C-alpha atoms as a PDB file:
ATOM      1  CA  MET A   1     -20.914  28.497 -23.542  1.00  0.00           C
ATOM      2  CA  LYS A   2     -19.901  25.898 -26.101  1.00  0.00           C
ATOM      3  CA  ASN A   3     -17.195  24.531 -23.769  1.00  0.00           C
ATOM      4  CA  THR A   4     -19.679  24.375 -20.893  1.00  0.00           C
ATOM      5  CA  ARG A   5     -22.127  22.333 -22.972  1.00  0.00           C
ATOM      6  CA  SER A   6     -19.359  19.995 -24.054  1.00  0.00           C
ATOM      7  CA  THR A   7     -18.197  19.461 -20.466  1.00  0.00           C
ATOM      8  CA  MET A   8     -21.705  18.777 -19.208  1.00  0.00           C
ATOM      9  CA  ARG A   9     -22.364  16.388 -22.076  1.00  0.00           C
ATOM     10  CA  THR A  10     -19.150  14.481 -21.269  1.00  0.00           C
ATOM     11  CA  LEU A  11     -19.877  14.218 -17.537  1.00  0.00           C
ATOM     12  CA  LEU A  12     -23.442  13.025 -18.119  1.00  0.00           C
ATOM     13  CA  ALA A  13     -22.305  10.481 -20.720  1.00  0.00           C
ATOM     14  CA  SER A  14     -19.866   9.085 -18.168  1.00  0.00           C
ATOM     15  CA  ALA A  15     -22.670   8.909 -15.600  1.00  0.00           C
ATOM     16  CA  VAL A  16     -24.641   6.747 -18.039  1.00  0.00           C
ATOM     17  CA  GLU A  17     -21.590   4.535 -18.523  1.00  0.00           C
ATOM     18  CA  GLU A  18     -21.163   4.123 -14.761  1.00  0.00           C
ATOM     19  CA  GLY A  19     -24.821   3.171 -14.362  1.00  0.00           C
ATOM     20  CA  LEU A  20     -25.704   6.253 -12.311  1.00  0.00           C
ATOM     21  CA  ILE A  21     -28.449   7.505 -14.657  1.00  0.00           C
ATOM     22  CA  ASP A  22     -30.568   5.843 -17.326  1.00  0.00           C
ATOM     23  CA  ARG A  23     -29.794   8.240 -20.170  1.00  0.00           C
ATOM     24  CA  ASN A  24     -27.963  11.443 -20.971  1.00  0.00           C
ATOM     25  CA  PRO A  25     -30.463  14.336 -20.699  1.00  0.00           C
ATOM     26  CA  PHE A  26     -28.001  16.559 -22.566  1.00  0.00           C
ATOM     27  CA  PRO A  27     -27.014  14.565 -25.669  1.00  0.00           C
ATOM     28  CA  HIS A  28     -24.986  15.770 -28.589  1.00  0.00           C
ATOM     29  CA  LYS A  29     -26.976  18.077 -30.844  1.00  0.00           C
ATOM     30  CA  ARG A  30     -26.742  15.563 -33.668  1.00  0.00           C
ATOM     31  CA  LEU A  31     -28.612  13.069 -31.485  1.00  0.00           C
ATOM     32  CA  LEU A  32     -31.519  15.307 -30.527  1.00  0.00           C
ATOM     33  CA  ASN A  33     -33.778  14.121 -33.354  1.00  0.00           C
ATOM     34  CA  VAL A  34     -33.682  10.422 -32.504  1.00  0.00           C
ATOM     35  CA  PRO A  35     -36.288   8.083 -33.999  1.00  0.00           C
ATOM     36  CA  ARG A  36     -39.387   7.617 -31.863  1.00  0.00           C
ATOM     37  CA  ARG A  37     -38.742   3.884 -31.573  1.00  0.00           C
ATOM     38  CA  MET A  38     -35.608   4.695 -29.569  1.00  0.00           C
ATOM     39  CA  GLU A  39     -37.243   7.047 -27.067  1.00  0.00           C
ATOM     40  CA  GLY A  40     -38.458   4.336 -24.718  1.00  0.00           C
ATOM     41  CA  ARG A  41     -35.307   2.247 -24.864  1.00  0.00           C
ATOM     42  CA  ARG A  42     -34.239   1.033 -21.428  1.00  0.00           C
ATOM     43  CA  ARG A  43     -30.664   0.544 -20.407  1.00  0.00           C
ATOM     44  CA  ARG A  44     -29.463  -3.004 -19.740  1.00  0.00           C
ATOM     45  CA  ASN A  45     -29.222  -4.013 -16.119  1.00  0.00           C
ATOM     46  CA  PRO A  46     -25.613  -4.718 -15.078  1.00  0.00           C
ATOM     47  CA  ARG A  47     -24.669  -8.349 -14.642  1.00  0.00           C
ATOM     48  CA  ALA A  48     -22.235 -10.198 -12.426  1.00  0.00           C
ATOM     49  CA  LEU A  49     -20.121 -12.859 -14.102  1.00  0.00           C
ATOM     50  CA  THR A  50     -19.521 -16.190 -12.428  1.00  0.00           C
ATOM     51  CA  ARG A  51     -15.967 -17.060 -11.465  1.00  0.00           C
ATOM     52  CA  ASP A  52     -15.630 -19.352 -14.493  1.00  0.00           C
ATOM     53  CA  GLU A  53     -17.060 -16.710 -16.828  1.00  0.00           C
ATOM     54  CA  PHE A  54     -14.617 -14.136 -15.475  1.00  0.00           C
ATOM     55  CA  HIS A  55     -11.687 -16.505 -16.038  1.00  0.00           C
ATOM     56  CA  ALA A  56     -12.878 -17.134 -19.598  1.00  0.00           C
ATOM     57  CA  LEU A  57     -13.248 -13.400 -20.224  1.00  0.00           C
ATOM     58  CA  THR A  58      -9.694 -12.638 -19.130  1.00  0.00           C
ATOM     59  CA  ALA A  59      -8.347 -15.566 -21.140  1.00  0.00           C
ATOM     60  CA  TYR A  60      -9.849 -14.085 -24.328  1.00  0.00           C
ATOM     61  CA  THR A  61      -8.818 -10.495 -23.541  1.00  0.00           C
ATOM     62  CA  PRO A  62      -5.865  -9.232 -25.628  1.00  0.00           C
ATOM     63  CA  GLU A  63      -2.660  -9.380 -23.606  1.00  0.00           C
ATOM     64  CA  TYR A  64      -2.170  -5.595 -23.544  1.00  0.00           C
ATOM     65  CA  TYR A  65      -5.501  -5.133 -21.727  1.00  0.00           C
ATOM     66  CA  ARG A  66      -5.591  -8.356 -19.689  1.00  0.00           C
ATOM     67  CA  LEU A  67      -4.137  -6.985 -16.457  1.00  0.00           C
ATOM     68  CA  MET A  68      -6.513  -4.014 -16.652  1.00  0.00           C
ATOM     69  CA  VAL A  69      -9.523  -6.323 -16.973  1.00  0.00           C
ATOM     70  CA  GLU A  70      -8.315  -8.672 -14.228  1.00  0.00           C
ATOM     71  CA  LEU A  71      -7.734  -5.758 -11.866  1.00  0.00           C
ATOM     72  CA  THR A  72     -11.145  -4.209 -12.539  1.00  0.00           C
ATOM     73  CA  GLY A  73     -12.987  -7.497 -12.078  1.00  0.00           C
ATOM     74  CA  THR A  74     -11.066  -8.413  -8.924  1.00  0.00           C
ATOM     75  CA  VAL A  75     -11.200  -5.219  -6.854  1.00  0.00           C
ATOM     76  CA  GLY A  76     -14.136  -3.447  -8.533  1.00  0.00           C
ATOM     77  CA  LEU A  77     -12.600  -0.211  -9.762  1.00  0.00           C
ATOM     78  CA  ARG A  78     -14.749   2.094 -11.854  1.00  0.00           C
ATOM     79  CA  SER A  79     -13.790   2.495 -15.507  1.00  0.00           C
ATOM     80  CA  GLY A  80     -12.643   6.078 -14.950  1.00  0.00           C
ATOM     81  CA  GLU A  81     -10.611   5.068 -11.896  1.00  0.00           C
ATOM     82  CA  VAL A  82      -8.639   2.271 -13.541  1.00  0.00           C
ATOM     83  CA  ARG A  83      -7.955   4.383 -16.638  1.00  0.00           C
ATOM     84  CA  ALA A  84      -6.598   7.202 -14.455  1.00  0.00           C
ATOM     85  CA  LEU A  85      -4.075   5.089 -12.500  1.00  0.00           C
ATOM     86  CA  LEU A  86      -0.461   6.255 -12.501  1.00  0.00           C
ATOM     87  CA  GLY A  87       2.698   4.411 -11.553  1.00  0.00           C
ATOM     88  CA  ARG A  88       2.872   6.249  -8.241  1.00  0.00           C
ATOM     89  CA  ASP A  89      -0.573   4.908  -7.313  1.00  0.00           C
ATOM     90  CA  VAL A  90       0.918   1.428  -6.843  1.00  0.00           C
ATOM     91  CA  LEU A  91       2.055   1.312  -3.217  1.00  0.00           C
ATOM     92  CA  ILE A  92       4.107  -1.302  -1.386  1.00  0.00           C
ATOM     93  CA  LEU A  93       3.304  -1.202   2.323  1.00  0.00           C
ATOM     94  CA  SER A  94       4.790  -3.804   4.698  1.00  0.00           C
ATOM     95  CA  GLY A  95       5.416  -6.142   1.792  1.00  0.00           C
ATOM     96  CA  GLU A  96       1.847  -5.859   0.476  1.00  0.00           C
ATOM     97  CA  VAL A  97       0.615  -4.080  -2.636  1.00  0.00           C
ATOM     98  CA  TRP A  98      -2.110  -1.438  -2.475  1.00  0.00           C
ATOM     99  CA  LEU A  99      -3.648   0.936  -4.997  1.00  0.00           C
ATOM    100  CA  ASN A 100      -4.156   4.599  -4.238  1.00  0.00           C
ATOM    101  CA  VAL A 101      -7.465   5.648  -5.855  1.00  0.00           C
ATOM    102  CA  ASP A 102      -7.861   9.421  -5.743  1.00  0.00           C
ATOM    103  CA  LYS A 103      -8.838  10.467  -9.275  1.00  0.00           C
ATOM    104  CA  SER A 104     -11.013   9.516 -12.201  1.00  0.00           C
ATOM    105  CA  VAL A 105     -10.930  10.302 -15.910  1.00  0.00           C
ATOM    106  CA  TYR A 106     -13.812  10.965 -18.297  1.00  0.00           C
ATOM    107  CA  LYS A 107     -13.472  10.301 -22.020  1.00  0.00           C
ATOM    108  CA  GLY A 108      -9.883   9.987 -23.177  1.00  0.00           C
ATOM    109  CA  GLY A 109      -7.124  11.250 -25.436  1.00  0.00           C
ATOM    110  CA  ARG A 110      -6.958  15.026 -25.910  1.00  0.00           C
ATOM    111  CA  ASN A 111     -10.530  15.375 -24.586  1.00  0.00           C
ATOM    112  CA  ALA A 112      -9.791  13.657 -21.264  1.00  0.00           C
ATOM    113  CA  ILE A 113     -11.112  15.321 -18.120  1.00  0.00           C
ATOM    114  CA  VAL A 114      -9.372  14.246 -14.900  1.00  0.00           C
ATOM    115  CA  THR A 115     -11.174  14.930 -11.648  1.00  0.00           C
ATOM    116  CA  THR A 116     -11.525  13.596  -8.126  1.00  0.00           C
ATOM    117  CA  PRO A 117     -13.927  10.676  -7.545  1.00  0.00           C
ATOM    118  CA  LYS A 118     -17.587  11.482  -7.017  1.00  0.00           C
ATOM    119  CA  THR A 119     -17.636  10.997  -3.211  1.00  0.00           C
ATOM    120  CA  GLU A 120     -15.196  11.201  -0.311  1.00  0.00           C
ATOM    121  CA  THR A 121     -15.452   7.452   0.250  1.00  0.00           C
ATOM    122  CA  SER A 122     -14.392   6.903  -3.369  1.00  0.00           C
ATOM    123  CA  ILE A 123     -10.966   8.273  -2.412  1.00  0.00           C
ATOM    124  CA  ARG A 124      -9.453   5.147  -0.916  1.00  0.00           C
ATOM    125  CA  ARG A 125      -6.648   2.626  -0.803  1.00  0.00           C
ATOM    126  CA  VAL A 126      -7.472  -0.754  -2.250  1.00  0.00           C
ATOM    127  CA  TYR A 127      -5.673  -3.910  -1.185  1.00  0.00           C
ATOM    128  CA  ILE A 128      -4.504  -6.085  -4.085  1.00  0.00           C
ATOM    129  CA  PRO A 129      -5.052  -9.768  -3.279  1.00  0.00           C
ATOM    130  CA  ARG A 130      -2.550 -12.394  -4.330  1.00  0.00           C
ATOM    131  CA  VAL A 131      -4.697 -13.634  -7.198  1.00  0.00           C
ATOM    132  CA  ASN A 132      -3.066 -14.561 -10.512  1.00  0.00           C
ATOM    133  CA  ASP A 133       0.112 -12.797  -9.348  1.00  0.00           C
ATOM    134  CA  LEU A 134      -1.683  -9.421  -9.563  1.00  0.00           C
ATOM    135  CA  PRO A 135       0.550  -7.622  -6.993  1.00  0.00           C
ATOM    136  CA  ALA A 136       3.833  -8.513  -8.700  1.00  0.00           C
ATOM    137  CA  ARG A 137       2.465  -7.757 -12.169  1.00  0.00           C
ATOM    138  CA  LEU A 138       1.264  -4.325 -11.041  1.00  0.00           C
ATOM    139  CA  VAL A 139       4.620  -3.501  -9.466  1.00  0.00           C
ATOM    140  CA  ARG A 140       6.467  -4.521 -12.638  1.00  0.00           C
ATOM    141  CA  LEU A 141       4.114  -2.404 -14.758  1.00  0.00           C
ATOM    142  CA  ALA A 142       4.482   0.632 -12.488  1.00  0.00           C
ATOM    143  CA  THR A 143       8.269   0.284 -12.527  1.00  0.00           C
ATOM    144  CA  ARG A 144       8.325   0.075 -16.314  1.00  0.00           C
ATOM    145  CA  ASN A 145       5.952   3.030 -16.912  1.00  0.00           C
ATOM    146  CA  GLY A 146       7.427   5.305 -14.240  1.00  0.00           C
ATOM    147  CA  LEU A 147       5.924   7.172 -11.296  1.00  0.00           C
ATOM    148  CA  ASN A 148       4.079   9.701 -13.456  1.00  0.00           C
ATOM    149  CA  GLY A 149       3.298   7.354 -16.303  1.00  0.00           C
ATOM    150  CA  LEU A 150      -0.178   5.934 -16.874  1.00  0.00           C
ATOM    151  CA  LEU A 151      -0.501   2.276 -15.960  1.00  0.00           C
ATOM    152  CA  PHE A 152      -2.893   1.668 -18.847  1.00  0.00           C
ATOM    153  CA  PRO A 153      -2.329   4.362 -21.492  1.00  0.00           C
ATOM    154  CA  GLY A 154      -4.313   4.607 -24.670  1.00  0.00           C
ATOM    155  CA  LYS A 155      -3.118   5.495 -28.128  1.00  0.00           C
ATOM    156  CA  ASN A 156      -0.160   7.876 -28.220  1.00  0.00           C
ATOM    157  CA  GLY A 157       0.284   7.538 -24.463  1.00  0.00           C
ATOM    158  CA  ASP A 158      -2.856   9.546 -23.616  1.00  0.00           C
ATOM    159  CA  TYR A 159      -5.618   8.501 -21.257  1.00  0.00           C
ATOM    160  CA  MET A 160      -7.454   5.493 -22.655  1.00  0.00           C
ATOM    161  CA  GLY A 161     -10.969   6.377 -23.788  1.00  0.00           C
ATOM    162  CA  SER A 162     -13.938   4.834 -22.051  1.00  0.00           C
ATOM    163  CA  SER A 163     -15.242   3.577 -25.396  1.00  0.00           C
ATOM    164  CA  VAL A 164     -11.972   1.732 -26.038  1.00  0.00           C
ATOM    165  CA  PHE A 165     -12.129  -0.079 -22.712  1.00  0.00           C
ATOM    166  CA  GLN A 166     -15.797  -0.867 -23.334  1.00  0.00           C
ATOM    167  CA  MET A 167     -15.033  -2.283 -26.782  1.00  0.00           C
ATOM    168  CA  VAL A 168     -12.194  -4.490 -25.507  1.00  0.00           C
ATOM    169  CA  VAL A 169     -14.285  -5.992 -22.707  1.00  0.00           C
ATOM    170  CA  ASN A 170     -17.338  -6.467 -24.901  1.00  0.00           C
ATOM    171  CA  GLN A 171     -15.414  -8.169 -27.710  1.00  0.00           C
ATOM    172  CA  ALA A 172     -13.725 -10.521 -25.251  1.00  0.00           C
ATOM    173  CA  GLY A 173     -17.137 -11.395 -23.839  1.00  0.00           C
ATOM    174  CA  TYR A 174     -18.501 -12.391 -27.226  1.00  0.00           C
ATOM    175  CA  VAL A 175     -15.382 -14.351 -28.186  1.00  0.00           C
ATOM    176  CA  ALA A 176     -15.545 -16.205 -24.859  1.00  0.00           C
ATOM    177  CA  GLY A 177     -19.189 -17.090 -25.523  1.00  0.00           C
ATOM    178  CA  ILE A 178     -20.475 -14.988 -22.604  1.00  0.00           C
ATOM    179  CA  GLY A 179     -22.175 -12.284 -24.637  1.00  0.00           C
ATOM    180  CA  HIS A 180     -22.275  -8.565 -23.927  1.00  0.00           C
ATOM    181  CA  VAL A 181     -20.030  -7.480 -21.023  1.00  0.00           C
ATOM    182  CA  SER A 182     -19.238  -3.935 -19.904  1.00  0.00           C
ATOM    183  CA  PRO A 183     -16.582  -2.513 -17.557  1.00  0.00           C
ATOM    184  CA  HIS A 184     -19.417  -1.771 -15.122  1.00  0.00           C
ATOM    185  CA  ASP A 185     -20.282  -5.492 -15.157  1.00  0.00           C
ATOM    186  CA  LEU A 186     -16.740  -6.171 -13.954  1.00  0.00           C
ATOM    187  CA  ARG A 187     -17.409  -3.963 -10.928  1.00  0.00           C
ATOM    188  CA  HIS A 188     -20.539  -5.991 -10.151  1.00  0.00           C
ATOM    189  CA  THR A 189     -18.526  -9.162 -10.648  1.00  0.00           C
ATOM    190  CA  ALA A 190     -15.864  -8.112  -8.148  1.00  0.00           C
ATOM    191  CA  ALA A 191     -18.456  -7.294  -5.478  1.00  0.00           C
ATOM    192  CA  THR A 192     -20.482 -10.468  -5.979  1.00  0.00           C
ATOM    193  CA  ILE A 193     -17.514 -12.843  -6.031  1.00  0.00           C
ATOM    194  CA  ALA A 194     -16.017 -11.174  -2.946  1.00  0.00           C
ATOM    195  CA  LEU A 195     -19.222 -11.666  -0.954  1.00  0.00           C
ATOM    196  CA  ARG A 196     -19.557 -15.279  -2.109  1.00  0.00           C
ATOM    197  CA  ALA A 197     -15.966 -15.847  -1.055  1.00  0.00           C
ATOM    198  CA  GLY A 198     -16.901 -14.759   2.468  1.00  0.00           C
ATOM    199  CA  VAL A 199     -15.584 -11.183   2.503  1.00  0.00           C
ATOM    200  CA  HIS A 200     -17.509  -9.070   5.018  1.00  0.00           C
ATOM    201  CA  PRO A 201     -20.011  -6.682   3.354  1.00  0.00           C
ATOM    202  CA  ARG A 202     -18.412  -3.713   5.106  1.00  0.00           C
ATOM    203  CA  ASP A 203     -15.037  -4.584   3.565  1.00  0.00           C
ATOM    204  CA  VAL A 204     -16.630  -4.935   0.133  1.00  0.00           C
ATOM    205  CA  GLN A 205     -18.255  -1.534   0.623  1.00  0.00           C
ATOM    206  CA  GLU A 206     -14.866   0.055   1.348  1.00  0.00           C
ATOM    207  CA  MET A 207     -13.238  -1.741  -1.582  1.00  0.00           C
ATOM    208  CA  LEU A 208     -15.852  -0.315  -3.953  1.00  0.00           C
ATOM    209  CA  GLY A 209     -15.753   3.154  -2.384  1.00  0.00           C
ATOM    210  CA  HIS A 210     -19.451   3.219  -1.513  1.00  0.00           C
ATOM    211  CA  GLN A 211     -20.931   5.600   1.034  1.00  0.00           C
ATOM    212  CA  SER A 212     -23.552   3.126   2.209  1.00  0.00           C
ATOM    213  CA  GLY A 213     -24.156  -0.594   2.357  1.00  0.00           C
ATOM    214  CA  ALA A 214     -27.325  -0.103   0.337  1.00  0.00           C
ATOM    215  CA  MET A 215     -25.243   0.777  -2.711  1.00  0.00           C
ATOM    216  CA  THR A 216     -23.108  -2.334  -2.206  1.00  0.00           C
ATOM    217  CA  ASN A 217     -26.246  -4.460  -2.070  1.00  0.00           C
ATOM    218  CA  HIS A 218     -27.251  -2.944  -5.414  1.00  0.00           C
ATOM    219  CA  TYR A 219     -24.011  -4.244  -6.913  1.00  0.00           C
ATOM    220  CA  THR A 220     -24.477  -7.849  -5.811  1.00  0.00           C
ATOM    221  CA  HIS A 221     -26.627 -10.587  -7.274  1.00  0.00           C
ATOM    222  CA  SER A 222     -27.592 -13.991  -5.925  1.00  0.00           C
ATOM    223  CA  GLY A 223     -28.721 -15.308  -9.277  1.00  0.00           C
ATOM    224  CA  VAL A 224     -31.167 -18.109  -9.988  1.00  0.00           C
ATOM    225  CA  ASP A 225     -28.333 -20.465 -10.926  1.00  0.00           C
ATOM    226  CA  TYR A 226     -26.658 -19.969  -7.560  1.00  0.00           C
ATOM    227  CA  LEU A 227     -29.906 -20.501  -5.668  1.00  0.00           C
ATOM    228  CA  ARG A 228     -30.450 -23.661  -7.674  1.00  0.00           C
ATOM    229  CA  GLU A 229     -26.894 -24.773  -6.927  1.00  0.00           C
ATOM    230  CA  SER A 230     -27.441 -24.162  -3.205  1.00  0.00           C
ATOM    231  CA  GLY A 231     -30.477 -26.423  -3.316  1.00  0.00           C
ATOM    232  CA  ARG A 232     -28.551 -29.091  -5.186  1.00  0.00           C
ATOM    233  CA  LEU A 233     -25.745 -29.078  -2.615  1.00  0.00           C
ATOM    234  CA  LEU A 234     -28.236 -29.338   0.257  1.00  0.00           C
ATOM    235  CA  ALA A 235     -29.957 -32.314  -1.373  1.00  0.00           C
ATOM    236  CA  GLU A 236     -26.596 -33.927  -2.050  1.00  0.00           C
ATOM    237  CA  TYR A 237     -25.598 -33.461   1.586  1.00  0.00           C
ATOM    238  CA  TYR A 238     -28.621 -35.387   2.838  1.00  0.00           C
ATOM    239  CA  GLU A 239     -28.269 -38.066   0.169  1.00  0.00           C
ATOM    240  CA  GLN A 240     -24.644 -38.713   1.132  1.00  0.00           C
ATOM    241  CA  ALA A 241     -25.671 -39.116   4.761  1.00  0.00           C
ATOM    242  CA  ASN A 242     -28.604 -41.280   3.608  1.00  0.00           C
ATOM    243  CA  GLN A 243     -30.919 -39.612   6.072  1.00  0.00           C
ATOM    244  CA  SER A 244     -33.598 -36.965   6.349  1.00  0.00           C
ATOM    245  CA  PRO A 245     -33.914 -34.292   9.023  1.00  0.00           C
ATOM    246  CA  ALA A 246     -34.834 -35.971  12.295  1.00  0.00           C
ATOM    247  CA  TYR A 247     -37.694 -35.401  14.711  1.00  0.00           C
ATOM    248  CA  THR A 248     -37.756 -36.519  18.352  1.00  0.00           C
ATOM    249  CA  ASP A 249     -41.213 -37.560  19.510  1.00  0.00           C
ATOM    250  CA  GLU A 250     -42.609 -37.310  23.060  1.00  0.00           C
ATOM    251  CA  ALA A 251     -41.170 -40.707  23.911  1.00  0.00           C
ATOM    252  CA  GLY A 252     -37.695 -39.602  22.964  1.00  0.00           C
ATOM    253  CA  ARG A 253     -37.586 -41.663  19.783  1.00  0.00           C
ATOM    254  CA  VAL A 254     -35.861 -40.165  16.723  1.00  0.00           C
ATOM    255  CA  VAL A 255     -38.036 -40.527  13.642  1.00  0.00           C
ATOM    256  CA  PRO A 256     -37.784 -39.128  10.073  1.00  0.00           C
ATOM    257  CA  ALA A 257     -39.313 -35.715   9.694  1.00  0.00           C
ATOM    258  CA  VAL A 258     -40.331 -33.291   6.980  1.00  0.00           C
ATOM    259  CA  VAL A 259     -40.332 -29.527   6.984  1.00  0.00           C
ATOM    260  CA  GLN A 260     -43.641 -27.861   6.251  1.00  0.00           C
ATOM    261  CA  TRP A 261     -44.140 -24.094   6.241  1.00  0.00           C
ATOM    262  CA  GLY A 262     -41.076 -23.536   8.397  1.00  0.00           C
ATOM    263  CA  THR A 263     -41.982 -26.112  11.091  1.00  0.00           C
ATOM    264  CA  ILE A 264     -40.818 -29.679  11.612  1.00  0.00           C
ATOM    265  CA  ARG A 265     -43.370 -32.448  11.957  1.00  0.00           C
ATOM    266  CA  PRO A 266     -43.129 -36.270  11.878  1.00  0.00           C
ATOM    267  CA  ALA A 267     -42.989 -37.762   8.399  1.00  0.00           C
END
């Protein structure tokens, strides 16, 4: 019974970490009598870093963890998926590098629980883009660690704990001046940047291992800054051309026009 409680507690804690549930309904017994002021605490909504913020984050990540962070923020692996990768999961197919994602790990060290991903679509092959020499770096790492060796081992060669990965990413975020960042934020970052780069939503969905496009939409953010930037670029476009949208009157003359409530009328 004690082992069952411990397993359930671990799985639910990982679900909180992955953003699947708001809180662990089966906390550790020492946490049952929490202060009342903590009862209504809401979890922080995940964020998507901008491209510049992501570059800054990786620059301030300790070298040992840098490839792990770059990989997570580029192809959107879950924390448990990237920590469970083995050397044999790095595949070279027709000269291109892919990752075989077919397992996930909860917790770490001697308490690690390795299982299959939560859905069938989470079992997938992920293409590694030629960004920052990621393919070659992964191949070198897999060759060095061996087919059955962990790509990103923790202390003593065991599975890295989720709290360790969280701490590394969060500390790098604060040092880079970005603030709090979690591994789950890196997954949001990968999805958002991919869509802004023009990757088809269906391809992003498969990269993330989602069953539906609705889940992929949940992982993407337009952001006020990007909407503002879109408006700035549009204004700049018209200013460079030194013209406003045009309107052709009944006589065939082209005159300046303004847009009002979705319709064009003469200025």
